[in-house]
Amino acid sequence: MRQLLNFLFILLPSILVHLSAQNYALAIHGGAGFLNRSDISEYQVQVYRESLSSVLAIGDSMLNAGSSALDVVETVIRLMENDSIYNAGKGSVLNKHGMVECDASFMDGRNLEAGAVTGVAHIKNPITAARLVMEKSPHVMLAGKGAEEFALLHNVPFVPNKYFITARKHQAYVKKLGNRKHGTVGAVALDISGNIAAGTSTGGMNGKAFGRIGDSPIIGAGTYANNNTCGVSCTGHGEYYIRNVVAHDVSAMLAYTSKDLQEVTAEIIHEKLNSRAGAGGLIAVDKAGNISMEFNTTSMFRASSKNGKVYVAIFADE
C-alpha cells in the first residue's frame, strides 16, 4: 500500500500538468446590435445559428487536436469573413461613397505582439493581413494602400471591391438601415499550452464617412490579449469603445482588482458603457478558460466552447 501511495505521489504532478494542459476554450461573435425576434424570420435565425455552430465546431476541433490559439483565431475569423451574413469581409457594409473599407486586428497573448490593417478595400481576408503585420513587420498598424502593398508582398489573396458587396448590404446602404445592427466578427481562443489569442474583423458602420476608423483595428479598444489575464474581442459602436479603451480595460481590471472575468465584463458593458450611451458587447476568455459574452443591446451573435461544451445564442434572453 505504501509503495502504491509513493508511486501516486510521484506520478500526481505529471497527471495534473497533463490535465491542465488539456484545458482549452473558444469564444466567437458575429456582432451585437438591436435586432429583435420580430425583425428576423425563423429561417434566418437558423441560418445564423448553423453558421455560428459550424465555425465553432471547426475551431473547437482544432484546439482539441492541439492547434495554436493563433491558428484557431485566424481560421474561424476567415470563415466568418467568407460568409456574407456578417459585416466582415464578403458582406461588409458600404461607406458613404458606396464602397467597402475593411478593418481587422490580431493579438498574441504570449508576448503582446499585435497587428492591424485599416481601410483596406481589396484584401479578401483582412484578418490574415493583420496577423502578417504582427508577424512579418516591425509595425502594429498599416492603413489603406500601404496595408495593401504590404499584403501583396506576402501573397495575400486580393479581390475587386465589388466582391464584398452583396445585394442585401447594398439595399441597407440605399435605405440607410444598417446602423441599427452591427455585424463585426471576432474570436478569442485559449489553447492547450495556455496561450491566448484574439482577433476582430469588420466592414465598419453602414454609410460611414470615407476613411472612418472604428475600434476593431485598434489594439486595446477592439482587441486585446495577454496570457496573464485574458483575451477580448469587441463589437458595437466603435467610437465609444475607443474612448473607453474597452478591450484593455477588461485585462487591466483583472490584473489590478480581485474581480473575476464575469464581474469585470458586466461592469464595463452594463455600467461604464451604458453610462456613456455606448451600445455593444464583447467576448472574453481568461487564462483559466472562463468565458464571458456580455452585451447591452437586444442581440449579439455569439457562441463558445470550453473543452467541448458548446453554447450558441443570438438574443438577450438566451
C-alpha atoms as a PDB file:
ATOM      1  CA  MET A   1       0.000   0.000   0.000  1.00  0.00           C
ATOM      2  CA  ARG A   2       2.813   2.395   0.929  1.00  0.00           C
ATOM      3  CA  GLN A   3       4.540   1.643  -2.368  1.00  0.00           C
ATOM      4  CA  LEU A   4       1.334   2.434  -4.254  1.00  0.00           C
ATOM      5  CA  LEU A   5       0.935   5.731  -2.403  1.00  0.00           C
ATOM      6  CA  ASN A   6       4.556   6.646  -3.092  1.00  0.00           C
ATOM      7  CA  PHE A   7       4.051   5.837  -6.769  1.00  0.00           C
ATOM      8  CA  LEU A   8       0.916   8.003  -6.957  1.00  0.00           C
ATOM      9  CA  PHE A   9       2.689  10.805  -5.126  1.00  0.00           C
ATOM     10  CA  ILE A  10       5.472  10.765  -7.712  1.00  0.00           C
ATOM     11  CA  LEU A  11       3.037  10.489 -10.622  1.00  0.00           C
ATOM     12  CA  LEU A  12       0.496  13.066  -9.425  1.00  0.00           C
ATOM     13  CA  PRO A  13       2.358  16.222 -10.581  1.00  0.00           C
ATOM     14  CA  SER A  14       2.672  14.940 -14.139  1.00  0.00           C
ATOM     15  CA  ILE A  15      -1.003  13.924 -14.149  1.00  0.00           C
ATOM     16  CA  LEU A  16      -2.025  17.391 -13.004  1.00  0.00           C
ATOM     17  CA  VAL A  17       0.165  19.038 -15.634  1.00  0.00           C
ATOM     18  CA  HIS A  18      -1.362  16.819 -18.300  1.00  0.00           C
ATOM     19  CA  LEU A  19      -4.902  17.596 -17.188  1.00  0.00           C
ATOM     20  CA  SER A  20      -4.302  21.334 -17.010  1.00  0.00           C
ATOM     21  CA  ALA A  21      -2.678  21.266 -20.433  1.00  0.00           C
ATOM     22  CA  GLN A  22      -5.859  19.848 -21.913  1.00  0.00           C
ATOM     23  CA  ASN A  23      -7.879  22.890 -20.878  1.00  0.00           C
ATOM     24  CA  TYR A  24      -8.953  24.984 -23.853  1.00  0.00           C
ATOM     25  CA  ALA A  25     -11.666  27.469 -24.673  1.00  0.00           C
ATOM     26  CA  LEU A  26     -13.030  29.383 -27.648  1.00  0.00           C
ATOM     27  CA  ALA A  27     -15.499  32.245 -27.979  1.00  0.00           C
ATOM     28  CA  ILE A  28     -16.699  33.834 -31.225  1.00  0.00           C
ATOM     29  CA  HIS A  29     -19.091  36.631 -32.092  1.00  0.00           C
ATOM     30  CA  GLY A  30     -20.819  37.856 -35.210  1.00  0.00           C
ATOM     31  CA  GLY A  31     -21.722  41.296 -33.935  1.00  0.00           C
ATOM     32  CA  ALA A  32     -24.023  42.977 -31.424  1.00  0.00           C
ATOM     33  CA  GLY A  33     -26.954  45.242 -32.201  1.00  0.00           C
ATOM     34  CA  PHE A  34     -30.626  45.989 -31.780  1.00  0.00           C
ATOM     35  CA  LEU A  35     -32.071  43.003 -33.589  1.00  0.00           C
ATOM     36  CA  ASN A  36     -35.353  41.718 -32.137  1.00  0.00           C
ATOM     37  CA  ARG A  37     -37.036  38.378 -32.772  1.00  0.00           C
ATOM     38  CA  SER A  38     -39.722  40.157 -34.775  1.00  0.00           C
ATOM     39  CA  ASP A  39     -37.070  41.582 -37.138  1.00  0.00           C
ATOM     40  CA  ILE A  40     -35.903  38.244 -38.425  1.00  0.00           C
ATOM     41  CA  SER A  41     -37.540  35.063 -39.707  1.00  0.00           C
ATOM     42  CA  GLU A  42     -37.084  31.655 -38.113  1.00  0.00           C
ATOM     43  CA  TYR A  43     -35.255  30.603 -41.254  1.00  0.00           C
ATOM     44  CA  GLN A  44     -32.776  33.478 -40.881  1.00  0.00           C
ATOM     45  CA  VAL A  45     -32.297  32.654 -37.213  1.00  0.00           C
ATOM     46  CA  GLN A  46     -31.498  29.085 -38.180  1.00  0.00           C
ATOM     47  CA  VAL A  47     -29.003  30.258 -40.816  1.00  0.00           C
ATOM     48  CA  TYR A  48     -27.114  32.293 -38.225  1.00  0.00           C
ATOM     49  CA  ARG A  49     -27.196  29.520 -35.627  1.00  0.00           C
ATOM     50  CA  GLU A  50     -25.915  26.964 -38.114  1.00  0.00           C
ATOM     51  CA  SER A  51     -23.135  29.292 -39.215  1.00  0.00           C
ATOM     52  CA  LEU A  52     -22.016  30.017 -35.650  1.00  0.00           C
ATOM     53  CA  SER A  53     -22.222  26.314 -34.759  1.00  0.00           C
ATOM     54  CA  SER A  54     -20.218  25.277 -37.809  1.00  0.00           C
ATOM     55  CA  VAL A  55     -17.483  27.842 -37.247  1.00  0.00           C
ATOM     56  CA  LEU A  56     -17.293  26.990 -33.551  1.00  0.00           C
ATOM     57  CA  ALA A  57     -17.063  23.257 -34.262  1.00  0.00           C
ATOM     58  CA  ILE A  58     -14.094  23.767 -36.570  1.00  0.00           C
ATOM     59  CA  GLY A  59     -12.281  25.915 -34.040  1.00  0.00           C
ATOM     60  CA  ASP A  60     -13.074  23.543 -31.192  1.00  0.00           C
ATOM     61  CA  SER A  61     -11.792  20.577 -33.174  1.00  0.00           C
ATOM     62  CA  MET A  62      -8.557  22.425 -33.915  1.00  0.00           C
ATOM     63  CA  LEU A  63      -7.998  23.297 -30.254  1.00  0.00           C
ATOM     64  CA  ASN A  64      -8.756  19.742 -29.182  1.00  0.00           C
ATOM     65  CA  ALA A  65      -6.168  18.490 -31.667  1.00  0.00           C
ATOM     66  CA  GLY A  66      -3.536  20.816 -30.241  1.00  0.00           C
ATOM     67  CA  SER A  67      -3.606  23.708 -32.716  1.00  0.00           C
ATOM     68  CA  SER A  68      -2.325  27.066 -31.509  1.00  0.00           C
ATOM     69  CA  ALA A  69      -4.699  29.787 -30.400  1.00  0.00           C
ATOM     70  CA  LEU A  70      -3.227  31.959 -33.168  1.00  0.00           C
ATOM     71  CA  ASP A  71      -4.138  29.494 -35.911  1.00  0.00           C
ATOM     72  CA  VAL A  72      -7.599  28.930 -34.492  1.00  0.00           C
ATOM     73  CA  VAL A  73      -8.447  32.628 -34.243  1.00  0.00           C
ATOM     74  CA  GLU A  74      -7.283  33.293 -37.784  1.00  0.00           C
ATOM     75  CA  THR A  75      -9.138  30.263 -39.152  1.00  0.00           C
ATOM     76  CA  VAL A  76     -12.512  30.939 -37.546  1.00  0.00           C
ATOM     77  CA  ILE A  77     -12.455  34.642 -38.406  1.00  0.00           C
ATOM     78  CA  ARG A  78     -11.549  33.835 -42.022  1.00  0.00           C
ATOM     79  CA  LEU A  79     -14.576  31.534 -42.136  1.00  0.00           C
ATOM     80  CA  MET A  80     -16.812  34.362 -40.954  1.00  0.00           C
ATOM     81  CA  GLU A  81     -15.183  36.843 -43.331  1.00  0.00           C
ATOM     82  CA  ASN A  82     -16.055  34.459 -46.165  1.00  0.00           C
ATOM     83  CA  ASP A  83     -19.686  34.187 -45.046  1.00  0.00           C
ATOM     84  CA  SER A  84     -21.769  37.065 -46.386  1.00  0.00           C
ATOM     85  CA  ILE A  85     -24.219  37.040 -43.463  1.00  0.00           C
ATOM     86  CA  TYR A  86     -21.713  39.002 -41.375  1.00  0.00           C
ATOM     87  CA  ASN A  87     -20.365  42.529 -41.662  1.00  0.00           C
ATOM     88  CA  ALA A  88     -16.757  41.499 -42.281  1.00  0.00           C
ATOM     89  CA  GLY A  89     -15.008  40.541 -45.490  1.00  0.00           C
ATOM     90  CA  LYS A  90     -17.632  39.426 -48.008  1.00  0.00           C
ATOM     91  CA  GLY A  91     -20.919  41.017 -46.962  1.00  0.00           C
ATOM     92  CA  SER A  92     -19.381  44.120 -45.399  1.00  0.00           C
ATOM     93  CA  VAL A  93     -21.485  47.261 -45.308  1.00  0.00           C
ATOM     94  CA  LEU A  94     -20.844  50.193 -47.624  1.00  0.00           C
ATOM     95  CA  ASN A  95     -19.351  53.542 -46.707  1.00  0.00           C
ATOM     96  CA  LYS A  96     -20.668  56.975 -47.698  1.00  0.00           C
ATOM     97  CA  HIS A  97     -19.154  56.611 -51.177  1.00  0.00           C
ATOM     98  CA  GLY A  98     -20.808  53.236 -51.784  1.00  0.00           C
ATOM     99  CA  MET A  99     -17.692  51.090 -51.403  1.00  0.00           C
ATOM    100  CA  VAL A 100     -16.369  48.710 -48.763  1.00  0.00           C
ATOM    101  CA  GLU A 101     -13.467  49.511 -46.419  1.00  0.00           C
ATOM    102  CA  CYS A 102     -12.442  46.716 -44.046  1.00  0.00           C
ATOM    103  CA  ASP A 103     -10.530  46.733 -40.761  1.00  0.00           C
ATOM    104  CA  ALA A 104      -9.007  43.917 -38.711  1.00  0.00           C
ATOM    105  CA  SER A 105      -6.668  43.332 -35.793  1.00  0.00           C
ATOM    106  CA  PHE A 106      -4.843  40.403 -34.222  1.00  0.00           C
ATOM    107  CA  MET A 107      -3.011  39.953 -30.919  1.00  0.00           C
ATOM    108  CA  ASP A 108      -0.796  37.277 -29.359  1.00  0.00           C
ATOM    109  CA  GLY A 109      -1.146  36.997 -25.585  1.00  0.00           C
ATOM    110  CA  ARG A 110       2.240  35.303 -25.159  1.00  0.00           C
ATOM    111  CA  ASN A 111       4.299  38.370 -25.982  1.00  0.00           C
ATOM    112  CA  LEU A 112       1.782  41.198 -26.529  1.00  0.00           C
ATOM    113  CA  GLU A 113       2.698  41.337 -30.211  1.00  0.00           C
ATOM    114  CA  ALA A 114      -0.115  42.755 -32.336  1.00  0.00           C
ATOM    115  CA  GLY A 115      -1.003  43.647 -35.904  1.00  0.00           C
ATOM    116  CA  ALA A 116      -3.786  45.516 -37.653  1.00  0.00           C
ATOM    117  CA  VAL A 117      -4.946  46.776 -41.030  1.00  0.00           C
ATOM    118  CA  THR A 118      -7.480  49.506 -41.640  1.00  0.00           C
ATOM    119  CA  GLY A 119      -9.270  50.999 -44.611  1.00  0.00           C
ATOM    120  CA  VAL A 120      -8.410  48.129 -46.943  1.00  0.00           C
ATOM    121  CA  ALA A 121     -10.606  47.671 -49.998  1.00  0.00           C
ATOM    122  CA  HIS A 122      -9.203  44.653 -51.834  1.00  0.00           C
ATOM    123  CA  ILE A 123      -7.785  42.183 -49.297  1.00  0.00           C
ATOM    124  CA  LYS A 124     -10.052  39.131 -49.272  1.00  0.00           C
ATOM    125  CA  ASN A 125      -9.288  38.196 -45.658  1.00  0.00           C
ATOM    126  CA  PRO A 126      -8.198  41.228 -43.630  1.00  0.00           C
ATOM    127  CA  ILE A 127      -7.570  39.099 -40.518  1.00  0.00           C
ATOM    128  CA  THR A 128      -4.787  37.266 -42.333  1.00  0.00           C
ATOM    129  CA  ALA A 129      -3.211  40.583 -43.323  1.00  0.00           C
ATOM    130  CA  ALA A 130      -3.440  41.753 -39.696  1.00  0.00           C
ATOM    131  CA  ARG A 131      -1.638  38.628 -38.484  1.00  0.00           C
ATOM    132  CA  LEU A 132       1.055  39.152 -41.119  1.00  0.00           C
ATOM    133  CA  VAL A 133       1.593  42.727 -39.950  1.00  0.00           C
ATOM    134  CA  MET A 134       2.121  41.280 -36.469  1.00  0.00           C
ATOM    135  CA  GLU A 135       4.500  38.534 -37.535  1.00  0.00           C
ATOM    136  CA  LYS A 136       6.270  39.921 -40.604  1.00  0.00           C
ATOM    137  CA  SER A 137       6.680  43.635 -39.937  1.00  0.00           C
ATOM    138  CA  PRO A 138       8.069  45.875 -37.173  1.00  0.00           C
ATOM    139  CA  HIS A 139       4.774  47.795 -37.098  1.00  0.00           C
ATOM    140  CA  VAL A 140       1.413  47.360 -35.389  1.00  0.00           C
ATOM    141  CA  MET A 141      -0.969  49.038 -37.862  1.00  0.00           C
ATOM    142  CA  LEU A 142      -0.887  49.640 -41.596  1.00  0.00           C
ATOM    143  CA  ALA A 143      -3.574  51.630 -43.417  1.00  0.00           C
ATOM    144  CA  GLY A 144      -5.124  51.806 -46.860  1.00  0.00           C
ATOM    145  CA  LYS A 145      -2.798  51.462 -49.829  1.00  0.00           C
ATOM    146  CA  GLY A 146       0.190  50.875 -47.563  1.00  0.00           C
ATOM    147  CA  ALA A 147      -1.532  47.890 -45.969  1.00  0.00           C
ATOM    148  CA  GLU A 148      -2.487  46.534 -49.367  1.00  0.00           C
ATOM    149  CA  GLU A 149       1.042  46.952 -50.720  1.00  0.00           C
ATOM    150  CA  PHE A 150       2.358  45.019 -47.710  1.00  0.00           C
ATOM    151  CA  ALA A 151      -0.255  42.305 -48.210  1.00  0.00           C
ATOM    152  CA  LEU A 152       0.668  41.925 -51.886  1.00  0.00           C
ATOM    153  CA  LEU A 153       4.306  41.397 -50.924  1.00  0.00           C
ATOM    154  CA  HIS A 154       3.155  38.471 -48.783  1.00  0.00           C
ATOM    155  CA  ASN A 155       0.912  36.924 -51.442  1.00  0.00           C
ATOM    156  CA  VAL A 156      -2.347  37.626 -49.647  1.00  0.00           C
ATOM    157  CA  PRO A 157      -5.335  36.993 -51.983  1.00  0.00           C
ATOM    158  CA  PHE A 158      -6.871  40.150 -53.471  1.00  0.00           C
ATOM    159  CA  VAL A 159     -10.387  40.670 -54.832  1.00  0.00           C
ATOM    160  CA  PRO A 160     -12.185  43.538 -56.570  1.00  0.00           C
ATOM    161  CA  ASN A 161     -14.155  45.726 -54.178  1.00  0.00           C
ATOM    162  CA  LYS A 162     -17.436  44.516 -55.658  1.00  0.00           C
ATOM    163  CA  TYR A 163     -16.639  41.035 -54.261  1.00  0.00           C
ATOM    164  CA  PHE A 164     -17.533  42.307 -50.790  1.00  0.00           C
ATOM    165  CA  ILE A 165     -20.859  43.878 -51.773  1.00  0.00           C
ATOM    166  CA  THR A 166     -23.966  41.709 -51.505  1.00  0.00           C
ATOM    167  CA  ALA A 167     -27.444  42.700 -52.648  1.00  0.00           C
ATOM    168  CA  ARG A 168     -28.665  42.794 -49.041  1.00  0.00           C
ATOM    169  CA  LYS A 169     -25.890  45.129 -47.871  1.00  0.00           C
ATOM    170  CA  HIS A 170     -26.366  47.363 -50.903  1.00  0.00           C
ATOM    171  CA  GLN A 171     -30.068  47.634 -50.074  1.00  0.00           C
ATOM    172  CA  ALA A 172     -29.200  48.531 -46.476  1.00  0.00           C
ATOM    173  CA  TYR A 173     -26.864  51.233 -47.782  1.00  0.00           C
ATOM    174  CA  VAL A 174     -29.563  52.700 -50.021  1.00  0.00           C
ATOM    175  CA  LYS A 175     -32.149  52.667 -47.211  1.00  0.00           C
ATOM    176  CA  LYS A 176     -29.645  53.683 -44.504  1.00  0.00           C
ATOM    177  CA  LEU A 177     -30.877  50.884 -42.243  1.00  0.00           C
ATOM    178  CA  GLY A 178     -27.572  49.321 -41.307  1.00  0.00           C
ATOM    179  CA  ASN A 179     -26.604  51.481 -38.343  1.00  0.00           C
ATOM    180  CA  ARG A 180     -29.062  49.637 -36.085  1.00  0.00           C
ATOM    181  CA  LYS A 181     -27.205  46.357 -36.442  1.00  0.00           C
ATOM    182  CA  HIS A 182     -23.512  45.698 -36.058  1.00  0.00           C
ATOM    183  CA  GLY A 183     -22.081  42.563 -37.687  1.00  0.00           C
ATOM    184  CA  THR A 184     -18.411  42.775 -36.715  1.00  0.00           C
ATOM    185  CA  VAL A 185     -16.845  39.344 -36.163  1.00  0.00           C
ATOM    186  CA  GLY A 186     -14.298  38.259 -33.614  1.00  0.00           C
ATOM    187  CA  ALA A 187     -12.727  35.347 -31.812  1.00  0.00           C
ATOM    188  CA  VAL A 188     -10.755  34.639 -28.649  1.00  0.00           C
ATOM    189  CA  ALA A 189      -9.022  31.315 -28.028  1.00  0.00           C
ATOM    190  CA  LEU A 190      -7.098  29.669 -25.199  1.00  0.00           C
ATOM    191  CA  ASP A 191      -5.088  26.683 -26.433  1.00  0.00           C
ATOM    192  CA  ILE A 192      -3.905  23.630 -24.509  1.00  0.00           C
ATOM    193  CA  SER A 193      -0.499  25.229 -23.983  1.00  0.00           C
ATOM    194  CA  GLY A 194      -2.120  28.090 -22.099  1.00  0.00           C
ATOM    195  CA  ASN A 195      -1.656  30.682 -24.817  1.00  0.00           C
ATOM    196  CA  ILE A 196      -4.360  33.241 -25.650  1.00  0.00           C
ATOM    197  CA  ALA A 197      -5.020  34.958 -28.974  1.00  0.00           C
ATOM    198  CA  ALA A 198      -7.707  37.408 -30.028  1.00  0.00           C
ATOM    199  CA  GLY A 199      -8.823  38.914 -33.311  1.00  0.00           C
ATOM    200  CA  THR A 200     -11.533  41.166 -34.716  1.00  0.00           C
ATOM    201  CA  SER A 201     -12.637  41.966 -38.283  1.00  0.00           C
ATOM    202  CA  THR A 202     -15.272  44.358 -39.635  1.00  0.00           C
ATOM    203  CA  GLY A 203     -16.654  46.352 -42.514  1.00  0.00           C
ATOM    204  CA  GLY A 204     -17.481  49.156 -40.075  1.00  0.00           C
ATOM    205  CA  MET A 205     -20.702  51.168 -39.943  1.00  0.00           C
ATOM    206  CA  ASN A 206     -23.182  51.432 -42.805  1.00  0.00           C
ATOM    207  CA  GLY A 207     -22.819  54.772 -44.588  1.00  0.00           C
ATOM    208  CA  LYS A 208     -19.710  55.687 -42.577  1.00  0.00           C
ATOM    209  CA  ALA A 209     -17.551  58.613 -43.655  1.00  0.00           C
ATOM    210  CA  PHE A 210     -14.822  57.717 -46.127  1.00  0.00           C
ATOM    211  CA  GLY A 211     -11.732  56.845 -44.093  1.00  0.00           C
ATOM    212  CA  ARG A 212     -13.585  56.405 -40.789  1.00  0.00           C
ATOM    213  CA  ILE A 213     -11.827  54.013 -38.394  1.00  0.00           C
ATOM    214  CA  GLY A 214     -13.658  52.305 -35.546  1.00  0.00           C
ATOM    215  CA  ASP A 215     -12.381  50.260 -32.638  1.00  0.00           C
ATOM    216  CA  SER A 216     -11.903  46.943 -34.446  1.00  0.00           C
ATOM    217  CA  PRO A 217      -8.364  47.592 -35.727  1.00  0.00           C
ATOM    218  CA  ILE A 218      -7.253  49.453 -32.605  1.00  0.00           C
ATOM    219  CA  ILE A 219      -5.331  47.360 -30.101  1.00  0.00           C
ATOM    220  CA  GLY A 220      -6.691  47.974 -26.612  1.00  0.00           C
ATOM    221  CA  ALA A 221     -10.025  49.294 -27.882  1.00  0.00           C
ATOM    222  CA  GLY A 222     -11.461  46.492 -30.011  1.00  0.00           C
ATOM    223  CA  THR A 223      -8.943  43.688 -29.440  1.00  0.00           C
ATOM    224  CA  TYR A 224      -6.565  42.689 -26.670  1.00  0.00           C
ATOM    225  CA  ALA A 225      -4.790  39.543 -25.447  1.00  0.00           C
ATOM    226  CA  ASN A 226      -2.470  38.879 -22.536  1.00  0.00           C
ATOM    227  CA  ASN A 227      -1.665  35.392 -21.221  1.00  0.00           C
ATOM    228  CA  ASN A 228      -1.507  36.799 -17.693  1.00  0.00           C
ATOM    229  CA  THR A 229      -5.127  37.951 -17.806  1.00  0.00           C
ATOM    230  CA  CYS A 230      -7.394  37.342 -20.798  1.00  0.00           C
ATOM    231  CA  GLY A 231      -8.230  37.849 -24.457  1.00  0.00           C
ATOM    232  CA  VAL A 232     -11.004  40.187 -25.653  1.00  0.00           C
ATOM    233  CA  SER A 233     -12.802  40.989 -28.916  1.00  0.00           C
ATOM    234  CA  CYS A 234     -15.371  43.793 -29.001  1.00  0.00           C
ATOM    235  CA  THR A 235     -18.343  44.695 -31.178  1.00  0.00           C
ATOM    236  CA  GLY A 236     -20.601  47.715 -31.202  1.00  0.00           C
ATOM    237  CA  HIS A 237     -20.403  51.488 -31.668  1.00  0.00           C
ATOM    238  CA  GLY A 238     -16.667  51.816 -32.117  1.00  0.00           C
ATOM    239  CA  GLU A 239     -16.234  55.421 -31.073  1.00  0.00           C
ATOM    240  CA  TYR A 240     -17.339  54.540 -27.537  1.00  0.00           C
ATOM    241  CA  TYR A 241     -15.009  51.557 -27.391  1.00  0.00           C
ATOM    242  CA  ILE A 242     -12.091  53.746 -28.449  1.00  0.00           C
ATOM    243  CA  ARG A 243     -12.865  56.438 -25.884  1.00  0.00           C
ATOM    244  CA  ASN A 244     -13.170  53.859 -23.113  1.00  0.00           C
ATOM    245  CA  VAL A 245     -10.313  51.580 -24.253  1.00  0.00           C
ATOM    246  CA  VAL A 246     -12.684  48.705 -23.554  1.00  0.00           C
ATOM    247  CA  ALA A 247     -10.649  45.642 -24.523  1.00  0.00           C
ATOM    248  CA  HIS A 248      -7.625  46.672 -22.462  1.00  0.00           C
ATOM    249  CA  ASP A 249      -9.860  47.778 -19.598  1.00  0.00           C
ATOM    250  CA  VAL A 250     -11.037  44.183 -19.164  1.00  0.00           C
ATOM    251  CA  SER A 251      -7.442  42.978 -18.894  1.00  0.00           C
ATOM    252  CA  ALA A 252      -6.419  45.815 -16.578  1.00  0.00           C
ATOM    253  CA  MET A 253      -9.296  45.259 -14.194  1.00  0.00           C
ATOM    254  CA  LEU A 254      -8.417  41.580 -13.945  1.00  0.00           C
ATOM    255  CA  ALA A 255      -4.791  42.475 -13.262  1.00  0.00           C
ATOM    256  CA  TYR A 256      -5.403  45.210 -10.715  1.00  0.00           C
ATOM    257  CA  THR A 257      -8.543  44.103  -8.865  1.00  0.00           C
ATOM    258  CA  SER A 258      -9.782  40.924  -7.220  1.00  0.00           C
ATOM    259  CA  LYS A 259     -12.821  40.714  -9.508  1.00  0.00           C
ATOM    260  CA  ASP A 260     -13.356  37.738 -11.794  1.00  0.00           C
ATOM    261  CA  LEU A 261     -13.949  37.857 -15.549  1.00  0.00           C
ATOM    262  CA  GLN A 262     -17.737  37.904 -15.345  1.00  0.00           C
ATOM    263  CA  GLU A 263     -17.765  40.725 -12.787  1.00  0.00           C
ATOM    264  CA  VAL A 264     -15.334  42.788 -14.828  1.00  0.00           C
ATOM    265  CA  THR A 265     -17.068  42.431 -18.184  1.00  0.00           C
ATOM    266  CA  ALA A 266     -20.503  43.081 -16.660  1.00  0.00           C
ATOM    267  CA  GLU A 267     -19.251  46.285 -15.018  1.00  0.00           C
ATOM    268  CA  ILE A 268     -17.629  47.545 -18.205  1.00  0.00           C
ATOM    269  CA  ILE A 269     -20.544  46.781 -20.537  1.00  0.00           C
ATOM    270  CA  HIS A 270     -23.533  47.490 -18.298  1.00  0.00           C
ATOM    271  CA  GLU A 271     -22.146  50.325 -16.178  1.00  0.00           C
ATOM    272  CA  LYS A 272     -19.240  52.098 -17.851  1.00  0.00           C
ATOM    273  CA  LEU A 273     -20.500  51.886 -21.439  1.00  0.00           C
ATOM    274  CA  ASN A 274     -24.167  52.297 -20.554  1.00  0.00           C
ATOM    275  CA  SER A 275     -23.443  55.457 -18.599  1.00  0.00           C
ATOM    276  CA  ARG A 276     -21.901  56.923 -21.759  1.00  0.00           C
ATOM    277  CA  ALA A 277     -24.654  55.638 -24.094  1.00  0.00           C
ATOM    278  CA  GLY A 278     -22.225  53.182 -25.689  1.00  0.00           C
ATOM    279  CA  ALA A 279     -24.011  50.239 -27.328  1.00  0.00           C
ATOM    280  CA  GLY A 280     -22.423  46.871 -27.976  1.00  0.00           C
ATOM    281  CA  GLY A 281     -20.799  43.867 -26.404  1.00  0.00           C
ATOM    282  CA  LEU A 282     -17.672  41.775 -26.119  1.00  0.00           C
ATOM    283  CA  ILE A 283     -16.397  38.240 -25.793  1.00  0.00           C
ATOM    284  CA  ALA A 284     -13.582  37.353 -23.416  1.00  0.00           C
ATOM    285  CA  VAL A 285     -11.652  34.270 -22.330  1.00  0.00           C
ATOM    286  CA  ASP A 286      -9.393  34.420 -19.282  1.00  0.00           C
ATOM    287  CA  LYS A 287      -6.220  32.456 -18.571  1.00  0.00           C
ATOM    288  CA  ALA A 288      -8.192  29.755 -16.722  1.00  0.00           C
ATOM    289  CA  GLY A 289     -10.563  29.224 -19.646  1.00  0.00           C
ATOM    290  CA  ASN A 290     -13.509  31.097 -18.163  1.00  0.00           C
ATOM    291  CA  ILE A 291     -15.699  32.691 -20.836  1.00  0.00           C
ATOM    292  CA  SER A 292     -17.796  35.847 -20.765  1.00  0.00           C
ATOM    293  CA  MET A 293     -20.026  37.212 -23.535  1.00  0.00           C
ATOM    294  CA  GLU A 294     -21.627  40.429 -22.293  1.00  0.00           C
ATOM    295  CA  PHE A 295     -23.688  42.950 -24.267  1.00  0.00           C
ATOM    296  CA  ASN A 296     -26.102  45.802 -23.549  1.00  0.00           C
ATOM    297  CA  THR A 297     -28.101  45.537 -26.773  1.00  0.00           C
ATOM    298  CA  THR A 298     -31.025  43.266 -27.654  1.00  0.00           C
ATOM    299  CA  SER A 299     -28.852  40.770 -29.500  1.00  0.00           C
ATOM    300  CA  MET A 300     -25.336  39.511 -30.036  1.00  0.00           C
ATOM    301  CA  PHE A 301     -24.499  36.641 -32.366  1.00  0.00           C
ATOM    302  CA  ARG A 302     -22.285  34.544 -30.143  1.00  0.00           C
ATOM    303  CA  ALA A 303     -21.003  31.056 -29.472  1.00  0.00           C
ATOM    304  CA  SER A 304     -18.495  29.405 -27.182  1.00  0.00           C
ATOM    305  CA  SER A 305     -16.883  26.095 -26.430  1.00  0.00           C
ATOM    306  CA  LYS A 306     -14.960  25.073 -23.342  1.00  0.00           C
ATOM    307  CA  ASN A 307     -13.352  21.661 -23.545  1.00  0.00           C
ATOM    308  CA  GLY A 308     -16.071  20.647 -25.996  1.00  0.00           C
ATOM    309  CA  LYS A 309     -19.060  22.089 -24.104  1.00  0.00           C
ATOM    310  CA  VAL A 310     -20.947  24.207 -26.656  1.00  0.00           C
ATOM    311  CA  TYR A 311     -23.174  27.290 -26.333  1.00  0.00           C
ATOM    312  CA  VAL A 312     -24.778  29.181 -29.253  1.00  0.00           C
ATOM    313  CA  ALA A 313     -27.142  32.152 -28.920  1.00  0.00           C
ATOM    314  CA  ILE A 314     -28.408  35.330 -30.564  1.00  0.00           C
ATOM    315  CA  PHE A 315     -30.895  37.176 -28.370  1.00  0.00           C
ATOM    316  CA  ALA A 316     -30.544  38.620 -24.879  1.00  0.00           C
ATOM    317  CA  ASP A 317     -32.931  36.139 -23.242  1.00  0.00           C
ATOM    318  CA  GLU A 318     -30.900  33.071 -24.249  1.00  0.00           C
END
